[in-house]
């Protein structure tokens, strides 16, 4: 699996407040913002950080989500993850993403070709 990059996940139930705080730290507005369909969540992307915001009930479903990992091939990543003991779960929203849990229970999102 070829990893192209990663971003830590930061959660907040106060979307506007969290975006304001991170924009102040970075000195710029988010690079991208988008909703996660079917989950009542929004993502605001800053360099190296993905701010996941929404109601506590929606955030609690992803309490163990640690990071997004950007890969060249999602199929290749899924095969390698399964071979090494990870459990594959549904992705977030529509698109080229999957959730995978390691044997310790850590949850990572794997995303193919970010920005495409």
N, C-alpha and C. Protein backbone atom coordinates (compact mmCIF):
# COMPACT_ATOMS: atom_id res chain seq x y z
N UNK A 1 0.85 -1.17 0.00
CA UNK A 1 0.00 0.00 0.00
C UNK A 1 0.90 1.24 0.00
N UNK A 2 0.60 2.15 -0.88
CA UNK A 2 1.35 3.40 -0.94
C UNK A 2 0.55 4.47 -0.22
N UNK A 3 1.11 5.02 0.86
CA UNK A 3 0.46 6.08 1.63
C UNK A 3 0.93 7.43 1.11
N UNK A 4 -0.04 8.28 0.78
CA UNK A 4 0.26 9.60 0.22
C UNK A 4 0.29 10.69 1.28
N UNK A 5 -0.29 10.42 2.44
CA UNK A 5 -0.32 11.41 3.52
C UNK A 5 -1.33 10.99 4.57
N UNK A 6 -1.47 11.80 5.60
CA UNK A 6 -2.45 11.51 6.64
C UNK A 6 -2.86 12.81 7.33
N UNK A 7 -3.97 12.74 8.04
CA UNK A 7 -4.47 13.89 8.80
C UNK A 7 -5.07 13.38 10.10
N UNK A 8 -4.71 14.00 11.20
CA UNK A 8 -5.31 13.66 12.49
C UNK A 8 -6.77 14.13 12.51
N UNK A 9 -7.60 13.42 13.24
CA UNK A 9 -9.00 13.77 13.38
C UNK A 9 -9.20 14.52 14.69
N UNK A 10 -9.84 15.67 14.62
CA UNK A 10 -10.22 16.45 15.79
C UNK A 10 -11.73 16.57 15.75
N UNK A 11 -12.40 16.28 16.87
CA UNK A 11 -13.86 16.31 16.92
C UNK A 11 -14.35 17.54 17.69
N UNK A 12 -15.52 18.06 17.25
CA UNK A 12 -16.15 19.16 17.96
C UNK A 12 -17.64 19.17 17.69
N UNK A 13 -18.41 19.46 18.74
CA UNK A 13 -19.85 19.64 18.56
C UNK A 13 -20.18 21.10 18.25
N UNK A 14 -19.17 21.97 18.26
CA UNK A 14 -19.34 23.39 17.96
C UNK A 14 -18.58 23.71 16.68
N UNK A 15 -19.23 23.49 15.54
CA UNK A 15 -18.57 23.66 14.24
C UNK A 15 -17.98 25.05 14.07
N UNK A 16 -18.80 26.08 14.24
CA UNK A 16 -18.34 27.44 14.00
C UNK A 16 -17.20 27.84 14.95
N UNK A 17 -17.34 27.48 16.22
CA UNK A 17 -16.29 27.80 17.19
C UNK A 17 -14.99 27.09 16.88
N UNK A 18 -15.07 25.82 16.52
CA UNK A 18 -13.85 25.05 16.22
C UNK A 18 -13.18 25.57 14.95
N UNK A 19 -13.96 25.87 13.93
CA UNK A 19 -13.37 26.41 12.69
C UNK A 19 -12.70 27.75 13.01
N UNK A 20 -13.34 28.56 13.79
CA UNK A 20 -12.76 29.86 14.16
C UNK A 20 -11.43 29.68 14.90
N UNK A 21 -11.40 28.73 15.85
CA UNK A 21 -10.15 28.49 16.62
C UNK A 21 -9.03 27.98 15.73
N UNK A 22 -9.33 27.02 14.84
CA UNK A 22 -8.27 26.47 13.98
C UNK A 22 -7.86 27.48 12.90
N UNK A 23 -8.80 28.27 12.40
CA UNK A 23 -8.46 29.31 11.43
C UNK A 23 -7.52 30.33 12.06
N UNK A 24 -7.73 30.63 13.33
CA UNK A 24 -6.85 31.58 14.03
C UNK A 24 -5.44 31.00 14.17
N UNK A 25 -5.35 29.71 14.50
CA UNK A 25 -4.04 29.07 14.64
C UNK A 25 -3.30 29.02 13.31
N UNK A 26 -4.02 28.62 12.25
CA UNK A 26 -3.39 28.47 10.94
C UNK A 26 -3.28 29.79 10.17
N UNK A 27 -4.02 30.80 10.61
CA UNK A 27 -4.00 32.07 9.90
C UNK A 27 -4.70 32.01 8.56
N UNK A 28 -5.60 31.05 8.40
CA UNK A 28 -6.32 30.88 7.13
C UNK A 28 -7.57 30.04 7.38
N UNK A 29 -8.52 30.20 6.49
CA UNK A 29 -9.74 29.40 6.54
C UNK A 29 -9.43 27.96 6.09
N UNK A 30 -10.34 27.02 6.33
CA UNK A 30 -10.10 25.63 5.93
C UNK A 30 -9.81 25.51 4.43
N UNK A 31 -9.00 24.53 4.09
CA UNK A 31 -8.68 24.26 2.68
C UNK A 31 -9.89 23.71 1.95
N UNK A 32 -10.67 22.87 2.64
CA UNK A 32 -11.88 22.25 2.09
C UNK A 32 -12.88 22.10 3.22
N UNK A 33 -14.15 22.15 2.87
CA UNK A 33 -15.23 21.84 3.82
C UNK A 33 -16.31 21.08 3.07
N UNK A 34 -16.83 20.03 3.71
CA UNK A 34 -17.88 19.26 3.07
C UNK A 34 -18.65 18.45 4.12
N UNK A 35 -19.92 18.14 3.83
CA UNK A 35 -20.70 17.30 4.73
C UNK A 35 -20.41 15.82 4.46
N UNK A 36 -20.60 14.99 5.45
CA UNK A 36 -20.55 13.54 5.26
C UNK A 36 -22.01 13.09 5.16
N UNK A 37 -22.42 12.74 3.97
CA UNK A 37 -23.81 12.38 3.72
C UNK A 37 -24.24 11.20 4.58
N UNK A 38 -25.44 11.30 5.12
CA UNK A 38 -26.02 10.22 5.89
C UNK A 38 -25.51 10.10 7.31
N UNK A 39 -24.63 11.00 7.75
CA UNK A 39 -24.07 10.90 9.10
C UNK A 39 -24.26 12.16 9.93
N UNK A 40 -24.83 13.23 9.35
CA UNK A 40 -25.06 14.48 10.06
C UNK A 40 -23.75 15.06 10.61
N UNK A 41 -22.68 14.93 9.82
CA UNK A 41 -21.36 15.42 10.20
C UNK A 41 -20.79 16.30 9.09
N UNK A 42 -19.90 17.19 9.47
CA UNK A 42 -19.19 18.03 8.52
C UNK A 42 -17.69 17.89 8.75
N UNK A 43 -16.92 18.07 7.67
CA UNK A 43 -15.46 18.02 7.75
C UNK A 43 -14.92 19.36 7.28
N UNK A 44 -14.00 19.90 8.05
CA UNK A 44 -13.26 21.10 7.67
C UNK A 44 -11.79 20.71 7.69
N UNK A 45 -11.14 20.84 6.55
CA UNK A 45 -9.76 20.36 6.40
C UNK A 45 -8.77 21.51 6.52
N UNK A 46 -7.86 21.35 7.47
CA UNK A 46 -6.71 22.24 7.64
C UNK A 46 -5.47 21.39 7.38
N UNK A 47 -4.30 21.99 7.16
CA UNK A 47 -3.10 21.18 6.92
C UNK A 47 -2.83 20.20 8.09
N UNK A 48 -2.91 18.91 7.79
CA UNK A 48 -2.62 17.88 8.77
C UNK A 48 -3.71 17.59 9.77
N UNK A 49 -4.84 18.33 9.70
CA UNK A 49 -5.95 18.17 10.64
C UNK A 49 -7.26 18.10 9.86
N UNK A 50 -8.10 17.14 10.21
CA UNK A 50 -9.47 17.11 9.70
C UNK A 50 -10.39 17.33 10.88
N UNK A 51 -11.09 18.45 10.89
CA UNK A 51 -12.03 18.78 11.95
C UNK A 51 -13.36 18.13 11.61
N UNK A 52 -13.80 17.22 12.46
CA UNK A 52 -15.06 16.51 12.29
C UNK A 52 -16.05 17.12 13.26
N UNK A 53 -17.13 17.72 12.75
CA UNK A 53 -18.06 18.39 13.63
C UNK A 53 -19.49 17.94 13.37
N UNK A 54 -20.27 18.00 14.42
CA UNK A 54 -21.67 17.62 14.35
C UNK A 54 -22.20 17.41 15.75
N UNK A 55 -23.43 16.92 15.86
CA UNK A 55 -23.99 16.66 17.18
C UNK A 55 -23.25 15.53 17.89
N UNK A 56 -23.24 15.57 19.21
CA UNK A 56 -22.56 14.54 20.01
C UNK A 56 -22.99 13.13 19.61
N UNK A 57 -24.28 12.94 19.32
CA UNK A 57 -24.77 11.60 18.96
C UNK A 57 -24.08 11.08 17.71
N UNK A 58 -23.86 11.94 16.72
CA UNK A 58 -23.18 11.53 15.49
C UNK A 58 -21.69 11.35 15.72
N UNK A 59 -21.09 12.22 16.53
CA UNK A 59 -19.66 12.12 16.82
C UNK A 59 -19.33 10.86 17.62
N UNK A 60 -20.24 10.46 18.50
CA UNK A 60 -19.97 9.30 19.36
C UNK A 60 -19.83 8.01 18.55
N UNK A 61 -20.48 7.94 17.39
CA UNK A 61 -20.35 6.75 16.54
C UNK A 61 -18.93 6.58 16.02
N UNK A 62 -18.18 7.67 15.99
CA UNK A 62 -16.81 7.65 15.46
C UNK A 62 -15.79 8.04 16.53
N UNK A 63 -16.10 7.72 17.78
CA UNK A 63 -15.25 8.10 18.91
C UNK A 63 -13.84 7.53 18.80
N UNK A 64 -13.68 6.39 18.16
CA UNK A 64 -12.36 5.77 18.03
C UNK A 64 -11.63 6.14 16.74
N UNK A 65 -12.22 7.03 15.93
CA UNK A 65 -11.58 7.44 14.68
C UNK A 65 -10.39 8.32 15.00
N UNK A 66 -9.21 7.88 14.61
CA UNK A 66 -7.95 8.56 14.96
C UNK A 66 -7.38 9.42 13.85
N UNK A 67 -7.51 8.97 12.58
CA UNK A 67 -6.87 9.69 11.49
C UNK A 67 -7.46 9.27 10.15
N UNK A 68 -7.26 10.11 9.16
CA UNK A 68 -7.53 9.76 7.77
C UNK A 68 -6.18 9.50 7.12
N UNK A 69 -6.09 8.41 6.40
CA UNK A 69 -4.86 8.03 5.72
C UNK A 69 -5.16 8.02 4.22
N UNK A 70 -4.41 8.79 3.45
CA UNK A 70 -4.63 8.91 2.02
C UNK A 70 -3.74 7.92 1.28
N UNK A 71 -4.37 7.07 0.47
CA UNK A 71 -3.65 6.00 -0.21
C UNK A 71 -3.83 6.10 -1.72
N UNK A 72 -2.90 5.49 -2.42
CA UNK A 72 -2.96 5.48 -3.88
C UNK A 72 -4.08 4.56 -4.38
N UNK A 73 -4.25 3.40 -3.72
CA UNK A 73 -5.25 2.43 -4.15
C UNK A 73 -6.01 1.90 -2.94
N UNK A 74 -7.30 2.15 -2.90
CA UNK A 74 -8.12 1.69 -1.79
C UNK A 74 -8.25 0.17 -1.79
N UNK A 75 -8.35 -0.44 -2.96
CA UNK A 75 -8.44 -1.90 -3.04
C UNK A 75 -7.16 -2.55 -2.51
N UNK A 76 -6.03 -1.99 -2.88
CA UNK A 76 -4.73 -2.50 -2.41
C UNK A 76 -4.62 -2.33 -0.89
N UNK A 77 -5.05 -1.18 -0.40
CA UNK A 77 -5.01 -0.93 1.05
C UNK A 77 -5.90 -1.91 1.79
N UNK A 78 -7.11 -2.13 1.30
CA UNK A 78 -8.05 -3.05 1.96
C UNK A 78 -7.48 -4.45 2.04
N UNK A 79 -6.89 -4.92 0.95
CA UNK A 79 -6.31 -6.26 0.93
C UNK A 79 -5.16 -6.37 1.93
N UNK A 80 -4.27 -5.39 1.94
CA UNK A 80 -3.13 -5.42 2.85
C UNK A 80 -3.57 -5.31 4.31
N UNK A 81 -4.54 -4.48 4.57
CA UNK A 81 -5.05 -4.33 5.93
C UNK A 81 -5.66 -5.64 6.44
N UNK A 82 -6.49 -6.27 5.62
CA UNK A 82 -7.10 -7.54 6.01
C UNK A 82 -6.05 -8.60 6.27
N UNK A 83 -5.03 -8.66 5.43
CA UNK A 83 -3.96 -9.64 5.60
C UNK A 83 -3.20 -9.44 6.91
N UNK A 84 -3.17 -8.20 7.39
CA UNK A 84 -2.41 -7.94 8.61
C UNK A 84 -3.29 -7.82 9.86
N UNK A 85 -4.53 -8.32 9.78
CA UNK A 85 -5.37 -8.42 10.96
C UNK A 85 -6.34 -7.29 11.23
N UNK A 86 -6.45 -6.33 10.32
CA UNK A 86 -7.41 -5.24 10.49
C UNK A 86 -8.80 -5.73 10.10
N UNK A 87 -9.83 -5.13 10.67
CA UNK A 87 -11.22 -5.40 10.31
C UNK A 87 -11.72 -4.24 9.46
N UNK A 88 -12.24 -4.56 8.28
CA UNK A 88 -12.74 -3.53 7.37
C UNK A 88 -14.20 -3.25 7.70
N UNK A 89 -14.53 -1.96 7.78
CA UNK A 89 -15.89 -1.51 8.04
C UNK A 89 -16.33 -0.60 6.89
N UNK A 90 -17.58 -0.17 6.92
CA UNK A 90 -18.08 0.74 5.89
C UNK A 90 -17.29 2.03 5.89
N UNK A 91 -17.29 2.71 4.74
CA UNK A 91 -16.63 3.99 4.64
C UNK A 91 -17.51 5.10 5.16
N UNK A 92 -17.00 6.30 5.14
CA UNK A 92 -17.76 7.47 5.54
C UNK A 92 -18.42 8.08 4.32
N UNK A 93 -19.72 8.19 4.32
CA UNK A 93 -20.43 8.81 3.21
C UNK A 93 -20.21 8.08 1.90
N UNK A 94 -20.47 8.79 0.83
CA UNK A 94 -20.27 8.22 -0.51
C UNK A 94 -18.85 8.50 -0.97
N UNK A 95 -18.33 7.62 -1.79
CA UNK A 95 -17.01 7.89 -2.34
C UNK A 95 -15.99 6.84 -2.00
N UNK A 96 -14.75 7.15 -2.30
CA UNK A 96 -13.65 6.20 -2.18
C UNK A 96 -13.03 6.27 -0.79
N UNK A 97 -13.71 5.67 0.19
CA UNK A 97 -13.25 5.68 1.57
C UNK A 97 -13.65 4.38 2.24
N UNK A 98 -12.84 3.94 3.19
CA UNK A 98 -13.23 2.80 4.03
C UNK A 98 -12.70 3.03 5.43
N UNK A 99 -13.39 2.46 6.38
CA UNK A 99 -12.94 2.50 7.77
C UNK A 99 -12.32 1.16 8.08
N UNK A 100 -11.22 1.16 8.81
CA UNK A 100 -10.56 -0.08 9.20
C UNK A 100 -10.14 0.03 10.66
N UNK A 101 -10.35 -1.06 11.39
CA UNK A 101 -10.05 -1.10 12.82
C UNK A 101 -8.92 -2.09 13.05
N UNK A 102 -7.88 -1.63 13.79
CA UNK A 102 -6.77 -2.53 14.09
C UNK A 102 -7.14 -3.42 15.28
N UNK A 103 -6.34 -4.44 15.59
CA UNK A 103 -6.67 -5.34 16.69
C UNK A 103 -6.80 -4.66 18.06
N UNK A 104 -6.24 -3.44 18.22
CA UNK A 104 -6.37 -2.70 19.47
C UNK A 104 -7.63 -1.85 19.53
N UNK A 105 -8.41 -1.83 18.45
CA UNK A 105 -9.65 -1.07 18.41
C UNK A 105 -9.54 0.32 17.82
N UNK A 106 -8.34 0.73 17.41
CA UNK A 106 -8.17 2.04 16.78
C UNK A 106 -8.81 2.03 15.40
N UNK A 107 -9.54 3.09 15.09
CA UNK A 107 -10.26 3.19 13.83
C UNK A 107 -9.58 4.25 12.97
N UNK A 108 -9.25 3.89 11.72
CA UNK A 108 -8.68 4.83 10.77
C UNK A 108 -9.55 4.83 9.52
N UNK A 109 -9.62 5.97 8.89
CA UNK A 109 -10.30 6.08 7.61
C UNK A 109 -9.22 6.06 6.53
N UNK A 110 -9.42 5.27 5.50
CA UNK A 110 -8.52 5.22 4.37
C UNK A 110 -9.25 5.83 3.18
N UNK A 111 -8.61 6.80 2.52
CA UNK A 111 -9.22 7.55 1.44
C UNK A 111 -8.33 7.45 0.22
N UNK A 112 -8.95 7.16 -0.91
CA UNK A 112 -8.20 7.06 -2.17
C UNK A 112 -8.19 8.39 -2.89
N UNK A 113 -7.02 8.78 -3.38
CA UNK A 113 -6.86 9.95 -4.24
C UNK A 113 -7.55 11.20 -3.71
N UNK A 114 -7.08 11.75 -2.60
CA UNK A 114 -7.72 12.97 -2.07
C UNK A 114 -7.65 14.09 -3.07
N UNK A 115 -8.71 14.86 -3.14
CA UNK A 115 -8.73 16.02 -4.03
C UNK A 115 -9.14 15.70 -5.45
N UNK A 116 -9.30 14.40 -5.78
CA UNK A 116 -9.74 14.07 -7.14
C UNK A 116 -11.23 14.22 -7.27
